[in-house]
N, C-alpha and C. Protein backbone atom coordinates (compact mmCIF):
# COMPACT_ATOMS: atom_id res chain seq x y z
N MET A 1 35.16 7.56 -5.83
CA MET A 1 35.46 7.15 -4.46
C MET A 1 35.01 5.72 -4.25
N LEU A 2 35.86 4.92 -3.57
CA LEU A 2 35.53 3.54 -3.29
C LEU A 2 35.39 3.33 -1.80
N LEU A 3 34.50 2.43 -1.44
CA LEU A 3 34.35 2.03 -0.06
C LEU A 3 35.27 0.86 0.22
N GLN A 4 35.34 0.43 1.47
CA GLN A 4 36.15 -0.73 1.81
C GLN A 4 35.70 -1.93 1.00
N GLY A 5 36.66 -2.63 0.43
CA GLY A 5 36.35 -3.78 -0.39
C GLY A 5 36.22 -3.43 -1.86
N GLY A 6 36.47 -2.14 -2.22
CA GLY A 6 36.50 -1.75 -3.62
C GLY A 6 35.17 -1.41 -4.22
N ARG A 7 34.09 -1.29 -3.42
CA ARG A 7 32.77 -0.96 -3.96
C ARG A 7 32.60 0.55 -4.02
N SER A 8 32.04 1.05 -5.09
CA SER A 8 31.72 2.47 -5.17
C SER A 8 30.48 2.74 -4.34
N PRO A 9 30.20 4.02 -3.95
CA PRO A 9 28.97 4.32 -3.22
C PRO A 9 27.73 3.87 -3.97
N ALA A 10 27.70 4.04 -5.29
CA ALA A 10 26.53 3.63 -6.06
C ALA A 10 26.34 2.13 -6.00
N ARG A 11 27.45 1.38 -6.10
CA ARG A 11 27.33 -0.07 -6.04
C ARG A 11 26.85 -0.53 -4.66
N SER A 12 27.36 0.12 -3.63
CA SER A 12 26.94 -0.25 -2.28
C SER A 12 25.47 0.06 -2.06
N GLN A 13 25.01 1.23 -2.51
CA GLN A 13 23.63 1.66 -2.29
C GLN A 13 22.64 0.76 -3.02
N ALA A 14 23.01 0.27 -4.19
CA ALA A 14 22.07 -0.50 -5.01
C ALA A 14 22.35 -1.99 -4.95
N ARG A 15 23.05 -2.47 -3.95
CA ARG A 15 23.38 -3.88 -3.85
C ARG A 15 22.11 -4.73 -3.87
N ARG A 16 22.08 -5.72 -4.77
CA ARG A 16 20.86 -6.50 -4.94
C ARG A 16 21.10 -8.00 -4.90
N GLY A 17 22.10 -8.43 -4.22
CA GLY A 17 22.27 -9.85 -4.03
C GLY A 17 21.20 -10.36 -3.07
N PRO A 18 21.22 -11.66 -2.73
CA PRO A 18 20.25 -12.18 -1.78
C PRO A 18 20.30 -11.39 -0.48
N GLY A 19 19.22 -10.70 -0.18
CA GLY A 19 19.17 -9.91 1.04
C GLY A 19 19.74 -8.53 0.88
N GLY A 20 20.13 -8.11 -0.33
CA GLY A 20 20.67 -6.78 -0.53
C GLY A 20 19.69 -5.71 -0.09
N ASP A 21 20.20 -4.67 0.63
CA ASP A 21 19.38 -3.58 1.13
C ASP A 21 18.40 -4.03 2.21
N LEU A 22 18.58 -5.20 2.79
CA LEU A 22 17.64 -5.72 3.76
C LEU A 22 18.32 -6.00 5.09
N PRO A 23 17.62 -5.78 6.21
CA PRO A 23 18.17 -6.18 7.50
C PRO A 23 18.15 -7.69 7.66
N ARG A 24 18.78 -8.18 8.69
CA ARG A 24 18.92 -9.62 8.86
C ARG A 24 17.60 -10.31 9.18
N GLN A 25 16.62 -9.57 9.71
CA GLN A 25 15.36 -10.21 10.06
C GLN A 25 14.41 -10.31 8.88
N ALA A 26 14.94 -10.30 7.65
CA ALA A 26 14.10 -10.38 6.46
C ALA A 26 13.33 -11.68 6.41
N ALA A 27 12.08 -11.58 5.93
CA ALA A 27 11.23 -12.75 5.72
C ALA A 27 11.06 -12.94 4.22
N THR A 28 10.00 -13.63 3.79
CA THR A 28 9.75 -13.79 2.36
C THR A 28 8.34 -13.36 2.03
N LEU A 29 8.18 -12.87 0.81
CA LEU A 29 6.87 -12.50 0.28
C LEU A 29 6.84 -12.97 -1.16
N GLY A 30 6.02 -13.97 -1.47
CA GLY A 30 5.98 -14.49 -2.81
C GLY A 30 7.32 -15.02 -3.26
N GLY A 31 8.11 -15.55 -2.31
CA GLY A 31 9.41 -16.10 -2.65
C GLY A 31 10.53 -15.09 -2.66
N ARG A 32 10.23 -13.82 -2.33
CA ARG A 32 11.25 -12.77 -2.37
C ARG A 32 11.53 -12.29 -0.96
N LEU A 33 12.78 -11.96 -0.68
CA LEU A 33 13.14 -11.46 0.63
C LEU A 33 12.53 -10.08 0.87
N VAL A 34 11.83 -9.94 1.97
CA VAL A 34 11.28 -8.65 2.39
C VAL A 34 11.39 -8.56 3.90
N THR A 35 11.31 -7.36 4.44
CA THR A 35 11.28 -7.21 5.88
C THR A 35 9.89 -7.54 6.40
N PRO A 36 9.76 -7.85 7.68
CA PRO A 36 8.42 -8.06 8.25
C PRO A 36 7.50 -6.85 8.05
N GLN A 37 8.07 -5.66 8.15
CA GLN A 37 7.28 -4.44 7.94
C GLN A 37 6.73 -4.38 6.52
N GLU A 38 7.56 -4.70 5.54
CA GLU A 38 7.12 -4.69 4.15
C GLU A 38 6.08 -5.77 3.89
N HIS A 39 6.29 -6.94 4.44
CA HIS A 39 5.33 -8.03 4.27
C HIS A 39 3.97 -7.65 4.82
N ALA A 40 3.95 -7.11 6.03
CA ALA A 40 2.69 -6.73 6.66
C ALA A 40 1.97 -5.66 5.85
N ALA A 41 2.72 -4.69 5.34
CA ALA A 41 2.10 -3.62 4.55
C ALA A 41 1.51 -4.16 3.26
N PHE A 42 2.23 -5.04 2.58
CA PHE A 42 1.74 -5.59 1.31
C PHE A 42 0.46 -6.39 1.51
N VAL A 43 0.46 -7.26 2.51
CA VAL A 43 -0.72 -8.07 2.79
C VAL A 43 -1.91 -7.19 3.17
N ARG A 44 -1.66 -6.17 3.97
CA ARG A 44 -2.74 -5.26 4.37
C ARG A 44 -3.32 -4.53 3.17
N LEU A 45 -2.47 -4.07 2.27
CA LEU A 45 -2.94 -3.35 1.09
C LEU A 45 -3.77 -4.24 0.17
N LEU A 46 -3.35 -5.50 0.02
CA LEU A 46 -4.14 -6.44 -0.77
C LEU A 46 -5.52 -6.65 -0.16
N LYS A 47 -5.58 -6.72 1.16
CA LYS A 47 -6.85 -6.96 1.84
C LYS A 47 -7.78 -5.75 1.75
N GLN A 48 -7.21 -4.55 1.75
CA GLN A 48 -8.05 -3.36 1.82
C GLN A 48 -8.46 -2.83 0.45
N CYS A 49 -7.85 -3.31 -0.63
CA CYS A 49 -8.19 -2.77 -1.95
C CYS A 49 -9.60 -3.20 -2.34
N PRO A 50 -10.28 -2.40 -3.15
CA PRO A 50 -11.66 -2.75 -3.55
C PRO A 50 -11.68 -3.91 -4.54
N ASP A 51 -12.87 -4.36 -4.88
CA ASP A 51 -13.01 -5.36 -5.93
C ASP A 51 -12.66 -4.75 -7.28
N GLY A 52 -12.17 -5.56 -8.17
CA GLY A 52 -11.85 -5.07 -9.51
C GLY A 52 -10.57 -5.68 -10.04
N PRO A 53 -10.21 -5.37 -11.27
CA PRO A 53 -9.00 -5.96 -11.87
C PRO A 53 -7.74 -5.52 -11.16
N ARG A 54 -6.76 -6.40 -11.20
CA ARG A 54 -5.46 -6.11 -10.60
C ARG A 54 -4.38 -6.29 -11.66
N ILE A 55 -3.26 -5.60 -11.45
CA ILE A 55 -2.18 -5.67 -12.43
C ILE A 55 -0.84 -5.60 -11.72
N GLU A 56 0.11 -6.37 -12.24
CA GLU A 56 1.50 -6.25 -11.79
C GLU A 56 2.37 -5.99 -13.01
N LEU A 57 3.19 -4.96 -12.92
CA LEU A 57 4.14 -4.63 -13.97
C LEU A 57 5.54 -4.91 -13.44
N GLY A 58 6.14 -5.95 -13.99
CA GLY A 58 7.39 -6.46 -13.49
C GLY A 58 7.12 -7.75 -12.73
N VAL A 59 6.95 -8.83 -13.45
CA VAL A 59 6.47 -10.09 -12.88
C VAL A 59 7.61 -11.01 -12.46
N PHE A 60 8.69 -11.03 -13.21
CA PHE A 60 9.82 -11.94 -13.02
C PHE A 60 9.29 -13.38 -13.04
N ARG A 61 9.44 -14.14 -11.97
CA ARG A 61 9.00 -15.54 -11.98
C ARG A 61 7.57 -15.71 -11.49
N GLY A 62 6.91 -14.64 -11.12
CA GLY A 62 5.48 -14.71 -10.84
C GLY A 62 5.08 -14.99 -9.41
N ALA A 63 6.02 -15.03 -8.48
CA ALA A 63 5.66 -15.38 -7.10
C ALA A 63 4.72 -14.36 -6.48
N THR A 64 5.05 -13.08 -6.61
CA THR A 64 4.17 -12.04 -6.06
C THR A 64 2.87 -11.97 -6.85
N LEU A 65 2.93 -12.17 -8.15
CA LEU A 65 1.72 -12.17 -8.97
C LEU A 65 0.75 -13.24 -8.51
N GLY A 66 1.28 -14.39 -8.08
CA GLY A 66 0.41 -15.44 -7.57
C GLY A 66 -0.39 -15.00 -6.37
N LEU A 67 0.20 -14.18 -5.51
CA LEU A 67 -0.52 -13.63 -4.36
C LEU A 67 -1.56 -12.61 -4.80
N ILE A 68 -1.17 -11.75 -5.72
CA ILE A 68 -2.07 -10.70 -6.20
C ILE A 68 -3.29 -11.32 -6.88
N ALA A 69 -3.09 -12.46 -7.54
CA ALA A 69 -4.17 -13.09 -8.32
C ALA A 69 -5.16 -13.87 -7.46
N LYS A 70 -4.98 -13.90 -6.16
CA LYS A 70 -5.91 -14.64 -5.30
C LYS A 70 -7.16 -13.80 -5.01
N HIS A 71 -7.95 -13.62 -6.04
CA HIS A 71 -9.24 -12.92 -5.93
C HIS A 71 -10.08 -13.37 -7.12
N PRO A 72 -11.37 -13.12 -7.11
CA PRO A 72 -12.24 -13.66 -8.18
C PRO A 72 -12.10 -12.94 -9.52
N GLY A 73 -11.52 -11.76 -9.53
CA GLY A 73 -11.52 -10.96 -10.75
C GLY A 73 -10.32 -11.19 -11.64
N ILE A 74 -10.15 -10.28 -12.60
CA ILE A 74 -9.06 -10.34 -13.58
C ILE A 74 -7.75 -9.90 -12.93
N THR A 75 -6.68 -10.62 -13.26
CA THR A 75 -5.33 -10.21 -12.87
C THR A 75 -4.45 -10.25 -14.11
N ILE A 76 -3.72 -9.18 -14.33
CA ILE A 76 -2.83 -9.06 -15.49
C ILE A 76 -1.40 -8.97 -15.01
N GLY A 77 -0.50 -9.72 -15.63
CA GLY A 77 0.92 -9.64 -15.34
C GLY A 77 1.68 -9.22 -16.58
N VAL A 78 2.51 -8.21 -16.44
CA VAL A 78 3.25 -7.65 -17.57
C VAL A 78 4.75 -7.78 -17.31
N ASP A 79 5.46 -8.33 -18.27
CA ASP A 79 6.90 -8.48 -18.14
C ASP A 79 7.49 -8.72 -19.52
N SER A 80 8.75 -8.35 -19.71
CA SER A 80 9.42 -8.66 -20.98
C SER A 80 9.74 -10.14 -21.08
N PHE A 81 9.93 -10.79 -19.92
CA PHE A 81 10.40 -12.18 -19.86
C PHE A 81 11.70 -12.36 -20.65
N ALA A 82 12.40 -11.24 -20.82
CA ALA A 82 13.71 -11.25 -21.46
C ALA A 82 14.71 -10.44 -20.64
N GLY A 83 14.35 -10.15 -19.41
CA GLY A 83 15.24 -9.37 -18.56
C GLY A 83 15.08 -7.88 -18.77
N MET A 84 16.03 -7.13 -18.28
CA MET A 84 15.98 -5.68 -18.31
C MET A 84 16.16 -5.12 -19.72
N ALA A 85 15.51 -3.99 -19.95
CA ALA A 85 15.79 -3.22 -21.16
C ALA A 85 17.17 -2.55 -21.00
N ALA A 86 17.67 -1.98 -22.06
CA ALA A 86 18.94 -1.25 -21.97
C ALA A 86 18.80 -0.13 -20.95
N PRO A 87 19.71 0.00 -20.01
CA PRO A 87 19.58 1.01 -18.97
C PRO A 87 19.66 2.42 -19.54
N GLY A 88 18.89 3.33 -18.94
CA GLY A 88 18.93 4.73 -19.33
C GLY A 88 19.87 5.52 -18.44
N LYS A 89 19.91 6.84 -18.64
CA LYS A 89 20.82 7.70 -17.89
C LYS A 89 20.54 7.64 -16.39
N ARG A 90 19.26 7.50 -16.03
CA ARG A 90 18.91 7.51 -14.61
C ARG A 90 19.01 6.11 -13.98
N ASP A 91 19.61 5.18 -14.70
CA ASP A 91 19.87 3.85 -14.17
C ASP A 91 21.36 3.61 -13.94
N THR A 92 22.16 4.64 -14.12
CA THR A 92 23.62 4.49 -14.08
C THR A 92 24.23 5.56 -13.19
N LYS A 93 25.18 5.15 -12.36
CA LYS A 93 25.97 6.08 -11.57
C LYS A 93 27.41 5.60 -11.53
N ASP A 94 28.32 6.56 -11.58
CA ASP A 94 29.75 6.24 -11.56
C ASP A 94 30.11 5.26 -12.67
N GLY A 95 29.38 5.36 -13.81
CA GLY A 95 29.65 4.49 -14.94
C GLY A 95 29.22 3.06 -14.76
N TRP A 96 28.34 2.81 -13.79
CA TRP A 96 27.92 1.44 -13.48
C TRP A 96 26.43 1.39 -13.24
N THR A 97 25.81 0.26 -13.61
CA THR A 97 24.41 0.03 -13.34
C THR A 97 24.21 -1.35 -12.73
N PRO A 98 23.33 -1.49 -11.74
CA PRO A 98 23.04 -2.83 -11.22
C PRO A 98 22.12 -3.63 -12.12
N TYR A 99 21.55 -2.97 -13.15
CA TYR A 99 20.56 -3.63 -14.00
C TYR A 99 20.94 -3.49 -15.48
N PRO A 100 21.95 -4.22 -15.92
CA PRO A 100 22.33 -4.17 -17.33
C PRO A 100 21.31 -4.90 -18.20
N LEU A 101 21.45 -4.70 -19.49
CA LEU A 101 20.56 -5.32 -20.46
C LEU A 101 20.48 -6.83 -20.23
N GLY A 102 19.25 -7.33 -20.09
CA GLY A 102 19.03 -8.77 -19.98
C GLY A 102 19.07 -9.33 -18.58
N ARG A 103 19.44 -8.52 -17.58
CA ARG A 103 19.48 -9.06 -16.22
C ARG A 103 18.08 -9.41 -15.72
N LEU A 104 17.98 -10.41 -14.87
CA LEU A 104 16.73 -10.88 -14.27
C LEU A 104 15.76 -11.43 -15.33
N SER A 105 16.30 -12.13 -16.29
CA SER A 105 15.47 -12.79 -17.28
C SER A 105 14.90 -14.07 -16.70
N ALA A 106 13.63 -14.33 -16.98
CA ALA A 106 12.98 -15.56 -16.53
C ALA A 106 11.95 -15.95 -17.58
N PRO A 107 11.80 -17.24 -17.88
CA PRO A 107 10.84 -17.66 -18.90
C PRO A 107 9.40 -17.44 -18.44
N MET A 108 8.52 -17.16 -19.38
CA MET A 108 7.12 -16.93 -19.07
C MET A 108 6.50 -18.13 -18.37
N ARG A 109 6.94 -19.32 -18.68
CA ARG A 109 6.33 -20.51 -18.09
C ARG A 109 6.48 -20.53 -16.57
N ASP A 110 7.53 -19.91 -16.04
CA ASP A 110 7.67 -19.84 -14.59
C ASP A 110 6.52 -19.03 -13.98
N ALA A 111 6.21 -17.90 -14.59
CA ALA A 111 5.11 -17.08 -14.11
C ALA A 111 3.76 -17.76 -14.31
N GLN A 112 3.63 -18.49 -15.41
CA GLN A 112 2.39 -19.23 -15.65
C GLN A 112 2.14 -20.27 -14.57
N ARG A 113 3.21 -20.92 -14.13
CA ARG A 113 3.07 -21.92 -13.07
C ARG A 113 2.75 -21.26 -11.73
N ALA A 114 3.39 -20.13 -11.46
CA ALA A 114 3.21 -19.47 -10.17
C ALA A 114 1.87 -18.76 -10.05
N ALA A 115 1.34 -18.29 -11.17
CA ALA A 115 0.09 -17.52 -11.16
C ALA A 115 -0.81 -18.00 -12.30
N PRO A 116 -1.35 -19.21 -12.22
CA PRO A 116 -2.11 -19.77 -13.34
C PRO A 116 -3.39 -18.99 -13.65
N LYS A 117 -3.91 -18.23 -12.71
CA LYS A 117 -5.14 -17.48 -12.96
C LYS A 117 -4.88 -16.15 -13.68
N ALA A 118 -3.64 -15.72 -13.73
CA ALA A 118 -3.32 -14.41 -14.30
C ALA A 118 -3.19 -14.47 -15.82
N ARG A 119 -3.52 -13.37 -16.47
CA ARG A 119 -3.28 -13.22 -17.91
C ARG A 119 -1.95 -12.50 -18.09
N LEU A 120 -1.03 -13.13 -18.79
CA LEU A 120 0.31 -12.59 -18.95
C LEU A 120 0.47 -11.89 -20.28
N LEU A 121 1.12 -10.75 -20.25
CA LEU A 121 1.45 -9.99 -21.45
C LEU A 121 2.96 -9.83 -21.53
N LYS A 122 3.51 -10.18 -22.69
CA LYS A 122 4.96 -10.13 -22.87
C LYS A 122 5.34 -8.88 -23.64
N GLY A 123 6.21 -8.06 -23.05
CA GLY A 123 6.67 -6.86 -23.72
C GLY A 123 7.30 -5.91 -22.73
N PHE A 124 8.04 -4.96 -23.26
CA PHE A 124 8.69 -3.95 -22.42
C PHE A 124 7.74 -2.78 -22.17
N VAL A 125 7.79 -2.26 -20.97
CA VAL A 125 7.11 -1.01 -20.65
C VAL A 125 8.04 0.13 -21.08
N PRO A 126 7.52 1.14 -21.80
CA PRO A 126 6.11 1.48 -22.02
C PRO A 126 5.49 0.92 -23.31
N ASP A 127 6.26 0.21 -24.14
CA ASP A 127 5.75 -0.19 -25.45
C ASP A 127 4.51 -1.07 -25.36
N ILE A 128 4.42 -1.91 -24.33
CA ILE A 128 3.31 -2.86 -24.21
C ILE A 128 2.04 -2.23 -23.66
N LEU A 129 2.13 -1.07 -23.05
CA LEU A 129 0.98 -0.50 -22.34
C LEU A 129 -0.26 -0.28 -23.21
N PRO A 130 -0.14 0.15 -24.48
CA PRO A 130 -1.35 0.32 -25.28
C PRO A 130 -2.15 -0.97 -25.51
N ALA A 131 -1.52 -2.12 -25.30
CA ALA A 131 -2.22 -3.40 -25.48
C ALA A 131 -3.14 -3.73 -24.31
N ILE A 132 -3.06 -2.96 -23.24
CA ILE A 132 -3.88 -3.22 -22.04
C ILE A 132 -5.12 -2.34 -22.12
N THR A 133 -6.26 -2.96 -22.28
CA THR A 133 -7.51 -2.21 -22.45
C THR A 133 -8.29 -2.04 -21.15
N GLU A 134 -7.95 -2.81 -20.12
CA GLU A 134 -8.66 -2.71 -18.85
C GLU A 134 -8.34 -1.39 -18.16
N SER A 135 -9.26 -0.97 -17.30
CA SER A 135 -9.05 0.19 -16.44
C SER A 135 -9.83 -0.03 -15.16
N GLY A 136 -9.86 0.96 -14.30
CA GLY A 136 -10.53 0.80 -13.02
C GLY A 136 -9.83 -0.22 -12.13
N PHE A 137 -8.50 -0.17 -12.13
CA PHE A 137 -7.74 -1.17 -11.37
C PHE A 137 -7.93 -0.99 -9.87
N ALA A 138 -8.10 -2.11 -9.19
CA ALA A 138 -8.22 -2.10 -7.74
C ALA A 138 -6.86 -2.15 -7.06
N PHE A 139 -5.89 -2.77 -7.74
CA PHE A 139 -4.55 -2.93 -7.18
C PHE A 139 -3.55 -2.96 -8.32
N ALA A 140 -2.50 -2.17 -8.19
CA ALA A 140 -1.41 -2.16 -9.17
C ALA A 140 -0.09 -2.27 -8.42
N HIS A 141 0.74 -3.22 -8.81
CA HIS A 141 2.04 -3.41 -8.19
C HIS A 141 3.11 -3.19 -9.24
N LEU A 142 4.04 -2.29 -8.95
CA LEU A 142 5.12 -1.96 -9.89
C LEU A 142 6.44 -2.41 -9.30
N ASP A 143 7.16 -3.25 -10.05
CA ASP A 143 8.44 -3.79 -9.59
C ASP A 143 9.34 -3.98 -10.79
N MET A 144 9.84 -2.85 -11.33
CA MET A 144 10.60 -2.91 -12.57
C MET A 144 12.03 -2.40 -12.43
N ASP A 145 12.42 -1.97 -11.26
CA ASP A 145 13.81 -1.67 -10.92
C ASP A 145 14.39 -0.45 -11.63
N GLN A 146 14.12 -0.29 -12.91
CA GLN A 146 14.72 0.81 -13.66
C GLN A 146 13.85 2.08 -13.62
N TYR A 147 14.49 3.22 -13.88
CA TYR A 147 13.82 4.51 -13.78
C TYR A 147 12.74 4.69 -14.84
N GLY A 148 13.10 4.57 -16.12
CA GLY A 148 12.17 4.89 -17.20
C GLY A 148 10.90 4.06 -17.19
N PRO A 149 10.99 2.72 -17.13
CA PRO A 149 9.76 1.92 -17.09
C PRO A 149 8.90 2.21 -15.87
N THR A 150 9.52 2.46 -14.72
CA THR A 150 8.74 2.74 -13.51
C THR A 150 7.98 4.05 -13.65
N LEU A 151 8.64 5.09 -14.13
CA LEU A 151 7.95 6.37 -14.30
C LEU A 151 6.84 6.26 -15.34
N ALA A 152 7.11 5.59 -16.45
CA ALA A 152 6.08 5.43 -17.49
C ALA A 152 4.88 4.66 -16.96
N ALA A 153 5.12 3.62 -16.18
CA ALA A 153 4.02 2.82 -15.63
C ALA A 153 3.20 3.64 -14.63
N LEU A 154 3.86 4.42 -13.80
CA LEU A 154 3.14 5.27 -12.85
C LEU A 154 2.26 6.28 -13.57
N GLN A 155 2.80 6.91 -14.58
CA GLN A 155 2.03 7.89 -15.34
C GLN A 155 0.85 7.25 -16.05
N TRP A 156 1.04 6.03 -16.50
CA TRP A 156 -0.03 5.32 -17.22
C TRP A 156 -1.13 4.85 -16.28
N VAL A 157 -0.75 4.26 -15.15
CA VAL A 157 -1.74 3.62 -14.28
C VAL A 157 -2.47 4.62 -13.38
N TRP A 158 -1.88 5.78 -13.15
CA TRP A 158 -2.44 6.74 -12.20
C TRP A 158 -3.89 7.10 -12.54
N GLY A 159 -4.18 7.35 -13.79
CA GLY A 159 -5.54 7.72 -14.20
C GLY A 159 -6.43 6.54 -14.51
N ARG A 160 -5.95 5.33 -14.28
CA ARG A 160 -6.71 4.12 -14.58
C ARG A 160 -7.07 3.34 -13.33
N MET A 161 -6.99 3.97 -12.17
CA MET A 161 -7.30 3.30 -10.92
C MET A 161 -8.74 3.53 -10.51
N ALA A 162 -9.32 2.53 -9.86
CA ALA A 162 -10.65 2.67 -9.27
C ALA A 162 -10.55 3.53 -8.01
N PRO A 163 -11.63 4.20 -7.61
CA PRO A 163 -11.61 4.91 -6.33
C PRO A 163 -11.25 3.96 -5.19
N GLY A 164 -10.28 4.34 -4.40
CA GLY A 164 -9.82 3.48 -3.33
C GLY A 164 -8.80 2.45 -3.76
N GLY A 165 -8.46 2.41 -5.06
CA GLY A 165 -7.47 1.47 -5.55
C GLY A 165 -6.08 1.79 -5.02
N VAL A 166 -5.23 0.77 -4.98
CA VAL A 166 -3.90 0.88 -4.40
C VAL A 166 -2.85 0.79 -5.50
N ILE A 167 -1.96 1.76 -5.55
CA ILE A 167 -0.77 1.69 -6.40
C ILE A 167 0.42 1.47 -5.48
N CYS A 168 1.02 0.30 -5.55
CA CYS A 168 2.12 -0.08 -4.66
C CYS A 168 3.39 -0.28 -5.48
N CYS A 169 4.47 0.35 -5.05
CA CYS A 169 5.74 0.26 -5.76
C CYS A 169 6.80 -0.39 -4.88
N ASP A 170 7.65 -1.16 -5.50
CA ASP A 170 8.78 -1.77 -4.79
C ASP A 170 10.03 -0.93 -5.05
N ASP A 171 11.05 -1.17 -4.24
CA ASP A 171 12.38 -0.57 -4.43
C ASP A 171 12.41 0.93 -4.19
N TRP A 172 11.65 1.40 -3.20
CA TRP A 172 11.66 2.83 -2.87
C TRP A 172 12.71 3.13 -1.81
N PHE A 173 13.43 4.23 -2.02
CA PHE A 173 14.35 4.79 -1.04
C PHE A 173 14.18 6.31 -1.07
N ALA A 174 14.04 6.93 0.09
CA ALA A 174 13.74 8.36 0.17
C ALA A 174 14.83 9.22 -0.44
N ASP A 175 16.08 8.81 -0.31
CA ASP A 175 17.20 9.66 -0.73
C ASP A 175 17.80 9.25 -2.07
N ARG A 176 17.11 8.39 -2.81
CA ARG A 176 17.66 7.91 -4.08
C ARG A 176 17.03 8.66 -5.24
N ASP A 177 17.87 9.12 -6.18
CA ASP A 177 17.37 9.88 -7.32
C ASP A 177 17.56 9.13 -8.64
N TRP A 178 17.80 7.85 -8.57
CA TRP A 178 17.99 7.05 -9.77
C TRP A 178 17.27 5.72 -9.59
N LEU A 179 17.26 4.92 -10.64
CA LEU A 179 16.55 3.64 -10.64
C LEU A 179 15.07 3.86 -10.30
N ALA A 180 14.39 2.81 -9.88
CA ALA A 180 12.95 2.90 -9.62
C ALA A 180 12.64 3.93 -8.55
N ALA A 181 13.46 4.00 -7.52
CA ALA A 181 13.22 4.95 -6.44
C ALA A 181 13.22 6.39 -6.94
N GLY A 182 14.14 6.70 -7.85
CA GLY A 182 14.16 8.04 -8.42
C GLY A 182 12.88 8.35 -9.17
N ALA A 183 12.35 7.37 -9.89
CA ALA A 183 11.09 7.57 -10.62
C ALA A 183 9.94 7.78 -9.65
N ILE A 184 9.89 6.99 -8.58
CA ILE A 184 8.82 7.13 -7.59
C ILE A 184 8.88 8.52 -6.96
N ASN A 185 10.06 8.95 -6.58
CA ASN A 185 10.20 10.26 -5.95
C ASN A 185 9.87 11.40 -6.92
N ASP A 186 10.29 11.26 -8.18
CA ASP A 186 9.97 12.30 -9.16
C ASP A 186 8.47 12.33 -9.44
N PHE A 187 7.84 11.18 -9.52
CA PHE A 187 6.40 11.13 -9.76
C PHE A 187 5.65 11.76 -8.59
N ALA A 188 6.06 11.44 -7.37
CA ALA A 188 5.42 12.02 -6.19
C ALA A 188 5.52 13.54 -6.20
N ALA A 189 6.68 14.04 -6.57
CA ALA A 189 6.85 15.50 -6.64
C ALA A 189 5.97 16.10 -7.72
N GLY A 190 5.82 15.40 -8.84
CA GLY A 190 5.02 15.91 -9.94
C GLY A 190 3.54 15.98 -9.63
N ILE A 191 3.03 15.03 -8.86
CA ILE A 191 1.60 15.05 -8.53
C ILE A 191 1.32 15.76 -7.21
N GLY A 192 2.37 16.09 -6.48
CA GLY A 192 2.20 16.78 -5.22
C GLY A 192 1.63 15.92 -4.11
N ARG A 193 1.90 14.61 -4.17
CA ARG A 193 1.40 13.68 -3.13
C ARG A 193 2.52 12.76 -2.70
N ILE A 194 2.94 12.89 -1.46
CA ILE A 194 3.96 12.01 -0.92
C ILE A 194 3.35 10.64 -0.65
N PRO A 195 3.98 9.56 -1.10
CA PRO A 195 3.39 8.23 -0.85
C PRO A 195 3.55 7.81 0.60
N GLU A 196 2.68 6.93 1.03
CA GLU A 196 2.90 6.23 2.29
C GLU A 196 3.97 5.18 2.04
N THR A 197 4.72 4.84 3.08
CA THR A 197 5.85 3.93 2.89
C THR A 197 5.99 2.96 4.06
N ALA A 198 6.59 1.83 3.75
CA ALA A 198 6.98 0.84 4.75
C ALA A 198 8.20 0.14 4.20
N GLY A 199 9.37 0.42 4.75
CA GLY A 199 10.59 -0.13 4.19
C GLY A 199 10.77 0.32 2.76
N ARG A 200 10.94 -0.62 1.84
CA ARG A 200 11.12 -0.29 0.42
C ARG A 200 9.81 -0.21 -0.35
N LYS A 201 8.69 -0.41 0.32
CA LYS A 201 7.39 -0.29 -0.32
C LYS A 201 6.88 1.15 -0.21
N ALA A 202 6.35 1.67 -1.30
CA ALA A 202 5.73 3.00 -1.32
C ALA A 202 4.40 2.88 -2.06
N TRP A 203 3.36 3.56 -1.56
CA TRP A 203 2.06 3.40 -2.20
C TRP A 203 1.20 4.63 -2.05
N TRP A 204 0.23 4.71 -2.96
CA TRP A 204 -0.82 5.73 -2.93
C TRP A 204 -2.17 5.02 -2.96
N ILE A 205 -3.15 5.66 -2.35
CA ILE A 205 -4.55 5.21 -2.46
C ILE A 205 -5.26 6.18 -3.39
N ALA A 206 -5.83 5.67 -4.47
CA ALA A 206 -6.48 6.54 -5.47
C ALA A 206 -7.74 7.19 -4.89
């Protein structure tokens, strides 16, 4: 089935151009379009998290990582810096995916400039996760768009959070069963804890 203009329902639901899935009153957070509600929630969560190491999985050009790294402790940024991995079954609908292999590639130097205090690790999730020896995270931000990496990161970081630590995920939609939102919803069902949400942000307090 196609919508007006030839877009399938899956393509319309996952539209990710500038401002995709966002109302017109969108603002910016770390250089990325977000709603005022999402911006306020993210800033509040950063302020309320305890002291300790922070991590972002899915760095892209590092704008959000630069905000996360504004604290005295360790900040780790993880990204392939080669774009998306090959999409899995839960990243495709109607024979189409918004995140094909290699999309959203950005050089590591962009993230280094945006977040000079952060330690960057290059690799795909979940393969890179064993290289991370830190634990007791105060703040974890997941922004990887695809289902498999998001679920793997949630399962990995859940038991590595400090008491009161914040696990914050991007790209959440309550009725979506694919892409990152599908992973967030499946993880929530598996642990029996519904996340708090604000727009596309979803989070748990450890």
